[in-house]
Amino acid sequence: MSDKVLIIQEARLGDLIQSGPLIQRISAEGGSPTVLVRPGVCEGARALGVAPEILSWPDFGNPAVPQSFHERIAGSRDFIRKMRRQGFSRAIVLNHHGTGIALAKALGIPLLGFDHLFDRGDGGTVPLAGWPAYLVASSRGVRALNRIHLSDMWRGFAGPGAFFPRPVPVDATKERTGPTVVVLGGRSPFRRLAPSALSRLVSALVRFDGYPVILSGGAEDRALGEAIAAECGSQVVNTAGQTGVGELAALIAEAGVVLSPDTATIHLAASQGVPTVGLFFASAIPFETGAYREGAVSVVTREDCYPCGGEGSSCSSLSCRNSPEPDVLARIVAGLRRGEPVYRIVRRLSDYLTGSQILVARETPSGLLQESVSPGLLSKEGLLAVLFRRFVVRYLNPDVSLPSLAQELALSGMSLACEDSRNVRELSCLGKSSSGAEKEGIDPLWFVRLERGVDLYLGLRERSLHRGERERMVERLAGDFPALWPLLHHLERVEGGQGDHPSLLRAGAALSWETTSAGRLFGRGQSRDIPEKEEFHAEVR
C-alpha cells in the first residue's frame, strides 16, 4: 500500500516554500506528499510545483463568501467525504491552527504534528509534545535563543531520522551574469529598509556591481519601485506589482544575486539555488527563517535590542536598519557575484561592519547552521543558545549526527576566523576576536551552576511529586538557576513535564557534560582533546 501523506500548511507562501525539506524527505522515503493550502496560496503553490499534488481549502470556511450556515455545514461535510476518498495514510499538521487539526481528525487517519491546540478556549493549556512543543516554545519565550530553523522543525514532524544535506550547486563559485534582484517589500515596514536607504542601495549596486538591477515586490511597492527606477537610470527596471508567482520564479531563476528582507522571494531564490543576501533586523531572525541553502548570506544587526517585537513595537528610531551602509551591501553583492568567499569579503570590509554580523548558512546532518564569519564577542546568551540547540536536537531527534561542541562553537563565531571559512574550524583562540575586542567575561561559576541546575532538574524528573509540589520545585529551580529558563520553559511550560523520559535523561546528561566541557574550554584556553572525549561520551551514554 502506498504511503500517501497529507501535509496541511495553512500559512503564507514563504512558509510553504520553507516546508520544502519536509516534502523532500517524505518523497525520499518513498511517500507521496499532497499539500493542502489556503485558497490565496494555491495558485502560487501550483506555479512553483512545491509538491506532486496541491489541494486547496474550499470556500465554506471563508466568511467573505456569501453562504448560509447550512450551506457551510453541507460544504464541509462534502469536502471531508472527498478527502476521505483520496486514501491518505497519514496527515501532518504544520500549523497551530484549529481548522487543520479538525480536518485531520475527521479523516480518521494517523496524525503527526499539531494534534491539538496548546491554548484552549477556556484560557487553559494542554501540553504539547515533540517538535510541535518546541515550535511553540521557540516562538513564545525562547525565540532569541533559538538556533533551529523552522524548516528543520517541520522536517522533524515526520518523525526521527537523519537529515541529508543537499549537494552544493556545481557553479557555486563561478561568476553569475544575471541581474541583481532587489526586493522592496516585506511583511511589515519594520522588516525592510527605509525608502531612502533602498534608493541609495540601488544606486550603489549600479556603481559597484555594474549589472542591471530588477526591483521586485507587491502591488503596494509599485510606486516606490517606479520612483527608484526613475532616479537611478536605465539599468534599473521596476517589476513590483507586475509579476505573478510563475513569472517571479522565472525571473529569480535567471538572477545573479537576490537581495531581500525575510520574504517569500528569498526562500524561492534559495530553493532554486540562486545566491542570496538576506537582511535581518527588527523581529526577523535568520536562525529561524533564513534562506535554507548552503552558502546563503545573512546580514544581521548587532543592536542590543535585537530581536524586538517588530510589528507593533514601541521603537521609533528603527536604528537597526542603518547598518551596514548601502555602499557596503552593494560591495557584498558584487563580491558574491564574482564567487569570492564570504570570509574574504568580510575581512576586506571589516571596518564598515562593526554594527552588523555576517552569517553563512551551512547544511549539516543535524540541520541548518549559521556560520558567523565576522568577529564577535563570547557571550552567555550565545553560548547558552548553542548548548540549548544541541540538547533539543538530541532530545527530539537522537538519530542525527551533531558536529563536535568545539566545531559548533567555532561556527557560531566563538573563535578567530581562519584562512578558509568553508572548512569546519576548531577553536583556535579564546582570548581575542580578530577585531581585537576582548571577550565578554564569563565567571567560571556560571558553568558550574548551569551544570548543577541541569543535574537537579533531571533528578526532579525522576521523582514522583504531586502537582503543587512539582510546581514549587520548578519555580525554585528557575529562581536559583536562571540559565535553566529555556529548558524549563520548553519542558515544563509547554510539555508540562510529560515529554519522553528516556530521551530527556540521555539529552540532559549530554547537556550536563557539555556544560562542563565548555567551562574547561573557556577556562583554560584551547583544548585539543575535547572532540575525542565527546565522541567517547556519545558512545557510552
Protein backbone atom coordinates (compact mmCIF):
# COMPACT_ATOMS: atom_id res chain seq x y z
CA MET A 1 0.00 0.00 0.00
CA SER A 2 1.38 3.40 -0.98
CA ASP A 3 2.19 5.96 1.70
CA LYS A 4 0.05 8.90 0.64
CA VAL A 5 0.76 11.74 3.05
CA LEU A 6 -1.45 14.81 3.53
CA ILE A 7 0.54 17.88 4.64
CA ILE A 8 -1.71 20.66 5.94
CA GLN A 9 0.08 24.01 5.55
CA GLU A 10 -2.18 26.98 6.25
CA ALA A 11 0.44 29.73 6.39
CA ARG A 12 1.78 32.11 3.74
CA LEU A 13 3.66 31.30 0.53
CA GLY A 14 7.05 31.81 2.18
CA ASP A 15 6.17 29.26 4.86
CA LEU A 16 5.00 26.85 2.17
CA ILE A 17 8.38 27.11 0.40
CA GLN A 18 10.11 26.51 3.75
CA SER A 19 8.11 23.27 4.01
CA GLY A 20 10.22 22.03 1.08
CA PRO A 21 12.71 19.99 3.17
CA LEU A 22 9.79 18.08 4.77
CA ILE A 23 8.20 17.42 1.37
CA GLN A 24 11.56 16.26 0.01
CA ARG A 25 12.08 13.97 3.00
CA ILE A 26 8.72 12.26 2.52
CA SER A 27 9.41 11.75 -1.19
CA ALA A 28 12.92 10.41 -0.47
CA GLU A 29 11.42 7.89 1.97
CA GLY A 30 9.04 6.57 -0.68
CA GLY A 31 5.96 8.56 0.31
CA SER A 32 3.64 10.55 -1.94
CA PRO A 33 3.08 14.02 -0.43
CA THR A 34 -0.05 16.07 -1.06
CA VAL A 35 -0.15 19.61 0.34
CA LEU A 36 -3.38 21.33 1.41
CA VAL A 37 -3.08 25.13 1.37
CA ARG A 38 -5.22 28.23 1.71
CA PRO A 39 -7.10 29.36 -1.46
CA GLY A 40 -4.96 32.51 -1.80
CA VAL A 41 -1.77 30.43 -1.87
CA CYS A 42 -2.96 27.60 -4.10
CA GLU A 43 -2.23 29.23 -7.47
CA GLY A 44 1.30 30.18 -6.43
CA ALA A 45 1.94 26.72 -4.96
CA ARG A 46 0.94 25.07 -8.22
CA ALA A 47 3.01 27.51 -10.26
CA LEU A 48 6.08 26.64 -8.18
CA GLY A 49 5.40 22.89 -8.16
CA VAL A 50 6.22 22.60 -4.46
CA ALA A 51 4.62 19.13 -4.27
CA PRO A 52 3.31 16.49 -6.69
CA GLU A 53 -0.26 17.39 -5.74
CA ILE A 54 -1.66 20.66 -4.37
CA LEU A 55 -5.16 20.92 -2.88
CA SER A 56 -7.00 24.00 -1.65
CA TRP A 57 -9.46 24.56 1.14
CA PRO A 58 -12.94 25.24 -0.32
CA ASP A 59 -14.87 28.45 0.24
CA PHE A 60 -17.12 27.14 3.01
CA GLY A 61 -14.67 28.46 5.60
CA ASN A 62 -14.28 31.91 4.02
CA PRO A 63 -16.52 34.46 5.80
CA ALA A 64 -16.28 36.77 2.76
CA VAL A 65 -18.17 34.23 0.62
CA PRO A 66 -21.94 34.70 0.97
CA GLN A 67 -23.23 31.35 2.25
CA SER A 68 -25.77 30.38 4.83
CA PHE A 69 -24.84 28.40 7.92
CA HIS A 70 -26.46 25.26 6.48
CA GLU A 71 -24.59 25.70 3.20
CA ARG A 72 -21.31 25.91 5.07
CA ILE A 73 -22.08 22.77 7.08
CA ALA A 74 -23.04 20.90 3.92
CA GLY A 75 -19.91 22.14 2.16
CA SER A 76 -17.66 21.00 4.99
CA ARG A 77 -19.23 17.52 5.02
CA ASP A 78 -18.85 17.20 1.26
CA PHE A 79 -15.20 18.29 1.47
CA ILE A 80 -14.43 15.70 4.18
CA ARG A 81 -16.04 12.95 2.08
CA LYS A 82 -13.93 13.93 -0.93
CA MET A 83 -10.75 14.00 1.17
CA ARG A 84 -11.52 10.54 2.59
CA ARG A 85 -11.75 9.17 -0.95
CA GLN A 86 -8.16 10.32 -1.54
CA GLY A 87 -6.94 7.39 0.57
CA PHE A 88 -4.42 9.27 2.72
CA SER A 89 -2.39 7.03 5.02
CA ARG A 90 -1.44 9.81 7.47
CA ALA A 91 -1.66 13.57 7.95
CA ILE A 92 0.95 16.08 9.13
CA VAL A 93 -0.43 19.36 10.51
CA LEU A 94 2.24 22.07 10.42
CA ASN A 95 0.35 24.98 11.98
CA HIS A 96 -1.03 25.69 15.43
CA HIS A 97 -4.47 26.17 13.89
CA GLY A 98 -7.75 24.50 14.80
CA THR A 99 -9.15 24.03 11.28
CA GLY A 100 -6.34 21.81 10.03
CA ILE A 101 -6.36 19.76 13.24
CA ALA A 102 -10.14 19.26 12.99
CA LEU A 103 -9.89 18.10 9.36
CA ALA A 104 -7.07 15.65 10.10
CA LYS A 105 -9.07 14.13 12.97
CA ALA A 106 -12.24 13.93 10.85
CA LEU A 107 -10.34 11.87 8.26
CA GLY A 108 -9.67 9.22 10.91
CA ILE A 109 -6.03 8.63 9.93
CA PRO A 110 -2.81 8.76 12.00
CA LEU A 111 -1.97 12.37 12.81
CA LEU A 112 1.52 13.86 13.20
CA GLY A 113 2.49 17.41 14.09
CA PHE A 114 -0.11 19.51 15.88
CA ASP A 115 -2.89 17.20 17.09
CA HIS A 116 -4.47 19.75 19.44
CA LEU A 117 -4.18 23.41 20.39
CA PHE A 118 -1.84 24.44 23.18
CA ASP A 119 -4.17 27.27 24.19
CA ARG A 120 -7.73 26.15 24.92
CA GLY A 121 -10.79 28.33 24.57
CA ASP A 122 -11.27 28.45 28.34
CA GLY A 123 -7.83 30.01 28.79
CA GLY A 124 -6.20 26.79 29.96
CA THR A 125 -3.40 24.89 28.28
CA VAL A 126 -3.00 21.28 27.19
CA PRO A 127 0.65 20.16 26.99
CA LEU A 128 2.20 19.55 23.59
CA ALA A 129 4.98 17.09 22.81
CA GLY A 130 7.83 16.62 20.36
CA TRP A 131 8.69 19.17 17.70
CA PRO A 132 5.30 20.96 17.91
CA ALA A 133 6.08 21.66 21.57
CA TYR A 134 9.47 23.09 20.68
CA LEU A 135 8.00 25.19 17.85
CA VAL A 136 5.57 26.79 20.31
CA ALA A 137 8.30 27.19 22.94
CA SER A 138 10.66 28.82 20.42
CA SER A 139 8.03 31.31 19.32
CA ARG A 140 6.69 32.08 22.78
CA GLY A 141 9.58 32.55 25.12
CA VAL A 142 12.96 31.34 23.87
CA ARG A 143 12.94 32.89 20.39
CA ALA A 144 16.12 34.91 20.91
CA LEU A 145 17.97 31.72 21.88
CA ASN A 146 16.50 29.50 19.16
CA ARG A 147 19.11 28.13 16.74
CA ILE A 148 16.90 25.59 14.93
CA HIS A 149 15.45 26.55 11.55
CA LEU A 150 11.69 26.38 11.01
CA SER A 151 12.23 24.04 8.05
CA ASP A 152 14.09 21.61 10.32
CA MET A 153 11.34 21.75 12.94
CA TRP A 154 8.75 20.88 10.30
CA ARG A 155 11.01 18.18 8.88
CA GLY A 156 11.07 16.68 12.38
CA PHE A 157 7.25 16.48 12.37
CA ALA A 158 7.58 13.39 10.14
CA GLY A 159 9.44 11.56 12.92
CA PRO A 160 13.07 10.91 13.91
CA GLY A 161 15.58 10.42 11.15
CA ALA A 162 18.82 11.72 9.73
CA PHE A 163 18.84 14.99 7.79
CA PHE A 164 20.57 14.70 4.43
CA PRO A 165 22.16 17.95 3.21
CA ARG A 166 21.64 18.77 -0.43
CA PRO A 167 24.71 18.99 -2.67
CA VAL A 168 26.21 22.44 -3.26
CA PRO A 169 25.49 23.63 -6.84
CA VAL A 170 28.45 22.94 -9.10
CA ASP A 171 28.63 26.56 -10.20
CA ALA A 172 28.56 28.00 -6.66
CA THR A 173 31.99 29.62 -7.03
CA LYS A 174 31.54 30.90 -10.59
CA GLU A 175 30.55 34.42 -11.54
CA ARG A 176 26.84 34.79 -12.31
CA THR A 177 25.90 37.16 -15.09
CA GLY A 178 22.18 37.65 -14.40
CA PRO A 179 20.69 40.84 -12.97
CA THR A 180 20.59 41.65 -9.28
CA VAL A 181 17.07 41.35 -7.90
CA VAL A 182 16.28 43.72 -5.02
CA VAL A 183 13.08 43.00 -3.10
CA LEU A 184 11.47 46.23 -1.94
CA GLY A 185 8.79 44.85 0.33
CA GLY A 186 8.47 42.69 3.37
CA ARG A 187 5.77 41.61 5.77
CA SER A 188 5.95 44.99 7.52
CA PRO A 189 7.93 48.25 7.31
CA PHE A 190 9.87 47.15 10.41
CA ARG A 191 11.47 44.29 8.42
CA ARG A 192 12.69 46.22 5.38
CA LEU A 193 14.97 49.09 4.51
CA ALA A 194 13.58 52.61 4.51
CA PRO A 195 12.74 54.04 1.04
CA SER A 196 15.69 56.47 1.17
CA ALA A 197 18.10 53.63 2.01
CA LEU A 198 16.67 51.49 -0.81
CA SER A 199 17.29 54.28 -3.30
CA ARG A 200 20.92 54.66 -2.16
CA LEU A 201 21.37 50.88 -2.23
CA VAL A 202 20.19 50.56 -5.84
CA SER A 203 22.46 53.43 -6.90
CA ALA A 204 25.39 51.75 -5.16
CA LEU A 205 24.64 48.43 -6.89
CA VAL A 206 24.76 50.15 -10.27
CA ARG A 207 28.13 51.72 -9.38
CA PHE A 208 29.91 48.82 -7.68
CA ASP A 209 28.30 45.75 -9.22
CA GLY A 210 27.66 47.09 -12.69
CA TYR A 211 24.90 44.64 -13.61
CA PRO A 212 21.25 45.52 -14.25
CA VAL A 213 19.01 45.77 -11.19
CA ILE A 214 15.46 44.48 -11.15
CA LEU A 215 13.15 45.74 -8.41
CA SER A 216 10.61 43.23 -7.11
CA GLY A 217 7.73 43.47 -4.69
CA GLY A 218 3.98 43.51 -4.30
CA ALA A 219 1.40 45.92 -5.66
CA GLU A 220 1.93 48.14 -2.61
CA ASP A 221 5.58 48.62 -3.64
CA ARG A 222 4.88 49.64 -7.23
CA ALA A 223 5.01 53.42 -6.72
CA LEU A 224 8.24 53.15 -4.72
CA GLY A 225 9.79 50.98 -7.42
CA GLU A 226 8.85 53.46 -10.15
CA ALA A 227 10.37 56.33 -8.18
CA ILE A 228 13.65 54.46 -7.59
CA ALA A 229 13.88 53.35 -11.22
CA ALA A 230 13.33 56.92 -12.44
CA GLU A 231 16.01 58.20 -10.07
CA CYS A 232 18.66 55.51 -10.74
CA GLY A 233 18.62 55.32 -14.54
CA SER A 234 18.10 52.87 -17.36
CA GLN A 235 19.91 49.95 -15.72
CA VAL A 236 17.12 49.69 -13.16
CA VAL A 237 13.80 48.03 -14.07
CA ASN A 238 10.76 48.02 -11.80
CA THR A 239 8.61 44.86 -11.75
CA ALA A 240 6.94 45.42 -8.36
CA GLY A 241 3.26 44.52 -8.56
CA GLN A 242 3.61 43.34 -12.17
CA THR A 243 4.55 39.65 -11.86
CA GLY A 244 2.65 36.57 -10.85
CA VAL A 245 4.30 33.79 -8.89
CA GLY A 246 5.25 31.85 -12.04
CA GLU A 247 6.77 34.92 -13.68
CA LEU A 248 8.62 35.79 -10.47
CA ALA A 249 10.06 32.27 -10.30
CA ALA A 250 11.33 32.57 -13.88
CA LEU A 251 12.84 35.98 -13.09
CA ILE A 252 14.59 34.69 -9.96
CA ALA A 253 15.96 31.64 -11.79
CA GLU A 254 17.92 33.96 -14.11
CA ALA A 255 19.15 36.29 -11.35
CA GLY A 256 22.79 36.68 -10.43
CA VAL A 257 22.10 37.57 -6.78
CA VAL A 258 18.88 38.22 -4.83
CA LEU A 259 18.97 40.79 -2.01
CA SER A 260 15.89 40.75 0.17
CA PRO A 261 14.46 41.01 3.68
CA ASP A 262 12.79 37.92 5.14
CA THR A 263 10.26 37.34 2.33
CA ALA A 264 8.86 34.53 0.21
CA THR A 265 11.11 35.71 -2.61
CA ILE A 266 14.34 34.97 -0.76
CA HIS A 267 13.06 31.49 0.10
CA LEU A 268 12.12 30.99 -3.54
CA ALA A 269 15.62 32.03 -4.64
CA ALA A 270 17.21 29.65 -2.12
CA SER A 271 15.03 26.77 -3.33
CA GLN A 272 16.34 27.42 -6.86
CA GLY A 273 20.00 27.57 -5.80
CA VAL A 274 20.38 31.31 -6.50
CA PRO A 275 22.86 33.22 -4.26
CA THR A 276 21.04 35.33 -1.69
CA VAL A 277 21.81 38.15 0.72
CA GLY A 278 19.16 38.36 3.43
CA LEU A 279 18.62 41.45 5.58
CA PHE A 280 17.56 40.64 9.14
CA PHE A 281 16.59 43.23 11.71
CA ALA A 282 13.61 44.05 13.94
CA SER A 283 11.81 40.73 14.57
CA ALA A 284 13.27 38.70 11.66
CA ILE A 285 15.83 36.07 12.74
CA PRO A 286 18.00 34.12 10.26
CA PHE A 287 18.38 31.15 12.64
CA GLU A 288 14.62 30.73 12.39
CA THR A 289 13.68 31.73 8.83
CA GLY A 290 16.90 32.46 6.93
CA ALA A 291 17.31 31.26 3.35
CA TYR A 292 17.62 27.46 3.53
CA ARG A 293 20.52 26.87 1.16
CA GLU A 294 24.22 26.12 1.64
CA GLY A 295 26.16 29.40 1.34
CA ALA A 296 23.18 31.77 1.75
CA VAL A 297 24.36 35.02 3.35
CA SER A 298 22.50 36.85 6.12
CA VAL A 299 23.28 40.37 7.34
CA VAL A 300 22.16 40.75 10.96
CA THR A 301 22.13 43.81 13.19
CA ARG A 302 24.25 43.85 16.36
CA GLU A 303 21.85 46.18 18.22
CA ASP A 304 21.40 45.10 21.84
CA CYS A 305 17.61 45.28 21.48
CA TYR A 306 17.56 42.75 18.61
CA PRO A 307 15.39 40.78 18.06
CA CYS A 308 12.47 43.01 19.02
CA GLY A 309 8.72 42.70 18.77
CA GLY A 310 8.94 44.31 15.33
CA GLU A 311 5.35 44.82 14.33
CA GLY A 312 3.73 46.97 16.95
CA SER A 313 6.91 47.59 18.93
CA SER A 314 7.49 50.96 20.54
CA CYS A 315 10.76 51.62 18.68
CA SER A 316 10.63 54.93 16.83
CA SER A 317 14.21 55.11 15.53
CA LEU A 318 14.46 51.69 13.79
CA SER A 319 18.21 52.21 14.07
CA CYS A 320 18.84 48.51 13.38
CA ARG A 321 18.20 49.24 9.68
CA ASN A 322 21.05 51.77 9.46
CA SER A 323 23.99 49.34 9.37
CA PRO A 324 25.71 48.48 7.20
CA GLU A 325 25.62 51.37 4.75
CA PRO A 326 24.10 50.75 1.29
CA ASP A 327 27.58 51.02 -0.29
CA VAL A 328 28.79 48.13 1.90
CA LEU A 329 25.79 45.96 0.99
CA ALA A 330 26.47 46.65 -2.68
CA ARG A 331 30.10 45.56 -2.29
CA ILE A 332 28.97 42.33 -0.58
CA VAL A 333 26.64 41.59 -3.51
CA ALA A 334 29.40 42.34 -6.04
CA GLY A 335 31.81 40.02 -4.23
CA LEU A 336 29.30 37.16 -4.11
CA ARG A 337 28.58 37.55 -7.81
CA ARG A 338 32.30 37.14 -8.57
CA GLY A 339 32.35 33.94 -6.50
CA GLU A 340 34.57 35.49 -3.82
CA PRO A 341 34.50 33.57 -0.49
CA VAL A 342 32.35 35.39 2.05
CA TYR A 343 35.05 35.46 4.73
CA ARG A 344 37.33 37.38 2.34
CA ILE A 345 34.59 39.90 1.60
CA VAL A 346 34.03 40.38 5.33
CA ARG A 347 37.75 40.74 6.01
CA ARG A 348 38.04 43.40 3.31
CA LEU A 349 35.03 45.32 4.64
CA SER A 350 35.58 44.69 8.36
CA ASP A 351 35.97 48.39 9.21
CA TYR A 352 32.46 49.04 7.88
CA LEU A 353 30.71 46.08 9.50
CA THR A 354 31.09 46.92 13.19
CA GLY A 355 27.32 47.26 13.58
CA SER A 356 26.46 44.06 11.71
CA GLN A 357 27.15 40.35 11.88
CA ILE A 358 27.54 38.31 8.68
CA LEU A 359 26.27 34.73 8.76
CA VAL A 360 26.61 32.00 6.13
CA ALA A 361 24.18 29.07 6.04
CA ARG A 362 25.69 25.59 6.35
CA GLU A 363 23.61 22.46 5.70
CA THR A 364 24.65 19.70 8.11
CA PRO A 365 23.26 16.29 9.12
CA SER A 366 21.75 17.98 12.20
CA GLY A 367 20.01 20.70 10.19
CA LEU A 368 20.85 24.20 9.00
CA LEU A 369 23.55 26.03 10.97
CA GLN A 370 24.60 29.64 10.60
CA GLU A 371 28.36 30.19 10.49
CA SER A 372 29.48 33.58 11.75
CA VAL A 373 32.25 34.93 9.52
CA SER A 374 32.54 38.30 11.25
CA PRO A 375 34.27 38.88 14.59
CA GLY A 376 32.03 38.51 17.59
CA LEU A 377 32.10 38.53 21.38
CA LEU A 378 31.76 35.47 23.54
CA SER A 379 28.52 35.91 25.49
CA LYS A 380 26.47 33.85 27.89
CA GLU A 381 23.46 34.14 25.59
CA GLY A 382 25.38 32.89 22.55
CA LEU A 383 26.91 30.01 24.47
CA LEU A 384 23.58 29.04 26.04
CA ALA A 385 21.94 29.10 22.59
CA VAL A 386 24.48 26.58 21.26
CA LEU A 387 24.16 24.28 24.28
CA PHE A 388 20.36 24.50 24.16
CA ARG A 389 20.23 23.67 20.42
CA ARG A 390 22.34 20.59 20.96
CA PHE A 391 20.11 19.47 23.83
CA VAL A 392 16.92 19.91 21.77
CA VAL A 393 18.29 18.00 18.77
CA ARG A 394 19.46 15.12 20.98
CA TYR A 395 16.13 15.12 22.83
CA LEU A 396 13.82 15.23 19.80
CA ASN A 397 15.89 13.60 17.07
CA PRO A 398 18.62 11.41 18.57
CA ASP A 399 19.27 9.74 15.18
CA VAL A 400 21.05 12.77 13.72
CA SER A 401 24.79 13.33 13.88
CA LEU A 402 25.87 16.53 15.63
CA PRO A 403 29.17 18.30 15.00
CA SER A 404 31.51 18.33 17.98
CA LEU A 405 30.91 21.00 20.61
CA ALA A 406 34.17 22.74 19.64
CA GLN A 407 33.16 22.79 15.97
CA GLU A 408 29.73 24.23 16.65
CA LEU A 409 31.11 26.90 18.97
CA ALA A 410 33.59 27.84 16.26
CA LEU A 411 30.84 28.05 13.65
CA SER A 412 28.95 30.36 16.00
CA GLY A 413 31.85 32.82 15.91
CA MET A 414 33.39 31.99 19.27
CA SER A 415 36.89 31.73 17.85
CA LEU A 416 39.21 33.51 15.48
CA ALA A 417 38.36 33.37 11.79
CA CYS A 418 40.66 31.04 9.88
CA GLU A 419 42.02 31.31 6.38
CA ASP A 420 39.20 29.26 4.87
CA SER A 421 35.77 29.59 6.44
CA ARG A 422 34.47 26.82 4.21
CA ASN A 423 36.17 24.31 6.49
CA VAL A 424 34.62 23.49 9.86
CA ARG A 425 37.03 25.11 12.32
CA GLU A 426 38.47 24.15 15.67
CA LEU A 427 38.52 26.72 18.45
CA SER A 428 41.88 28.29 17.72
CA CYS A 429 41.99 31.14 20.20
CA LEU A 430 39.75 32.25 23.02
CA GLY A 431 41.48 35.43 24.11
CA LYS A 432 40.53 37.98 21.47
CA SER A 433 38.39 38.16 18.36
CA SER A 434 40.03 39.08 15.07
CA SER A 435 38.90 42.66 15.60
CA GLY A 436 40.96 42.83 18.78
CA ALA A 437 37.90 43.08 21.03
CA GLU A 438 38.23 41.37 24.38
CA LYS A 439 35.80 38.57 25.01
CA GLU A 440 33.00 39.21 27.45
CA GLY A 441 33.99 37.75 30.78
CA ILE A 442 32.07 34.66 31.89
CA ASP A 443 32.56 33.72 35.50
CA PRO A 444 33.62 30.02 35.71
CA LEU A 445 30.93 29.66 38.36
CA TRP A 446 28.31 30.19 35.63
CA PHE A 447 29.25 26.86 34.04
CA VAL A 448 29.23 25.10 37.40
CA ARG A 449 25.80 26.48 38.29
CA LEU A 450 24.33 25.58 34.90
CA GLU A 451 25.63 22.02 35.18
CA ARG A 452 24.31 21.76 38.72
CA GLY A 453 20.92 23.11 37.67
CA VAL A 454 20.63 20.55 34.85
CA ASP A 455 21.51 17.71 37.20
CA LEU A 456 18.97 18.86 39.80
CA TYR A 457 16.26 19.13 37.15
CA LEU A 458 16.97 15.61 35.88
CA GLY A 459 16.72 14.41 39.48
CA LEU A 460 13.39 16.20 39.81
CA ARG A 461 12.06 14.41 36.73
CA GLU A 462 12.97 11.08 38.35
CA ARG A 463 10.77 11.75 41.38
CA SER A 464 7.05 11.22 41.78
CA LEU A 465 5.65 14.51 43.07
CA HIS A 466 2.11 15.84 43.27
CA ARG A 467 1.35 18.81 41.06
CA GLY A 468 1.67 21.56 43.65
CA GLU A 469 4.99 20.27 44.99
CA ARG A 470 6.34 19.85 41.49
CA GLU A 471 5.40 23.42 40.53
CA ARG A 472 7.11 24.77 43.64
CA MET A 473 10.28 22.81 42.89
CA VAL A 474 10.36 24.03 39.27
CA GLU A 475 9.79 27.62 40.41
CA ARG A 476 12.64 27.33 42.88
CA LEU A 477 14.96 25.90 40.21
CA ALA A 478 14.09 28.79 37.90
CA GLY A 479 14.93 31.27 40.64
CA ASP A 480 18.16 29.61 41.79
CA PHE A 481 19.48 28.74 38.31
CA PRO A 482 18.40 31.48 35.83
CA ALA A 483 20.30 29.92 32.91
CA LEU A 484 17.87 26.97 33.07
CA TRP A 485 14.94 29.08 31.93
CA PRO A 486 14.90 28.00 28.25
CA LEU A 487 14.89 24.35 29.31
CA LEU A 488 12.18 24.86 31.92
CA HIS A 489 10.04 26.88 29.52
CA HIS A 490 10.17 24.13 26.90
CA LEU A 491 9.95 21.07 29.15
CA GLU A 492 7.64 22.38 31.87
CA ARG A 493 5.60 25.26 30.47
CA VAL A 494 4.85 23.73 27.02
CA GLU A 495 5.39 19.99 27.54
CA GLY A 496 4.00 20.07 31.07
CA GLY A 497 6.75 17.76 32.30
CA GLN A 498 5.33 14.92 30.20
CA GLY A 499 7.98 14.54 27.50
CA ASP A 500 9.74 11.29 26.68
CA HIS A 501 11.65 10.40 29.83
CA PRO A 502 14.48 8.19 28.46
CA SER A 503 15.26 10.71 25.71
CA LEU A 504 15.26 13.53 28.25
CA LEU A 505 17.71 11.72 30.51
CA ARG A 506 20.10 10.98 27.63
CA ALA A 507 19.97 14.51 26.24
CA GLY A 508 20.15 16.05 29.72
CA ALA A 509 23.21 14.01 30.65
CA ALA A 510 24.91 15.16 27.43
CA LEU A 511 23.99 18.78 28.21
CA SER A 512 25.46 18.49 31.70
CA TRP A 513 28.66 17.02 30.31
CA GLU A 514 28.96 19.62 27.55
CA THR A 515 28.45 22.45 30.04
CA THR A 516 31.47 21.11 31.95
CA SER A 517 33.40 20.78 28.68
CA ALA A 518 32.61 24.37 27.71
CA GLY A 519 33.75 25.53 31.13
CA ARG A 520 37.10 23.79 30.66
CA LEU A 521 37.38 25.09 27.12
CA PHE A 522 36.84 28.72 28.01
CA GLY A 523 38.54 28.48 31.35
CA ARG A 524 41.95 27.20 30.27
CA GLY A 525 42.20 28.04 26.57
CA GLN A 526 42.39 25.71 23.63
CA SER A 527 41.87 22.01 24.38
CA ARG A 528 42.52 19.56 21.59
CA ASP A 529 41.17 16.56 23.49
CA ILE A 530 37.58 17.82 23.77
CA PRO A 531 36.25 16.31 20.47
CA GLU A 532 37.76 12.90 21.24
CA LYS A 533 36.32 12.91 24.76
CA GLU A 534 32.97 13.92 23.33
CA GLU A 535 32.94 11.01 20.89
CA PHE A 536 33.72 8.61 23.74
CA HIS A 537 30.93 10.12 25.83
CA ALA A 538 28.45 9.75 22.93
CA GLU A 539 29.32 6.05 22.67
CA VAL A 540 28.82 5.18 26.32
CA ARG A 541 25.76 7.25 27.25
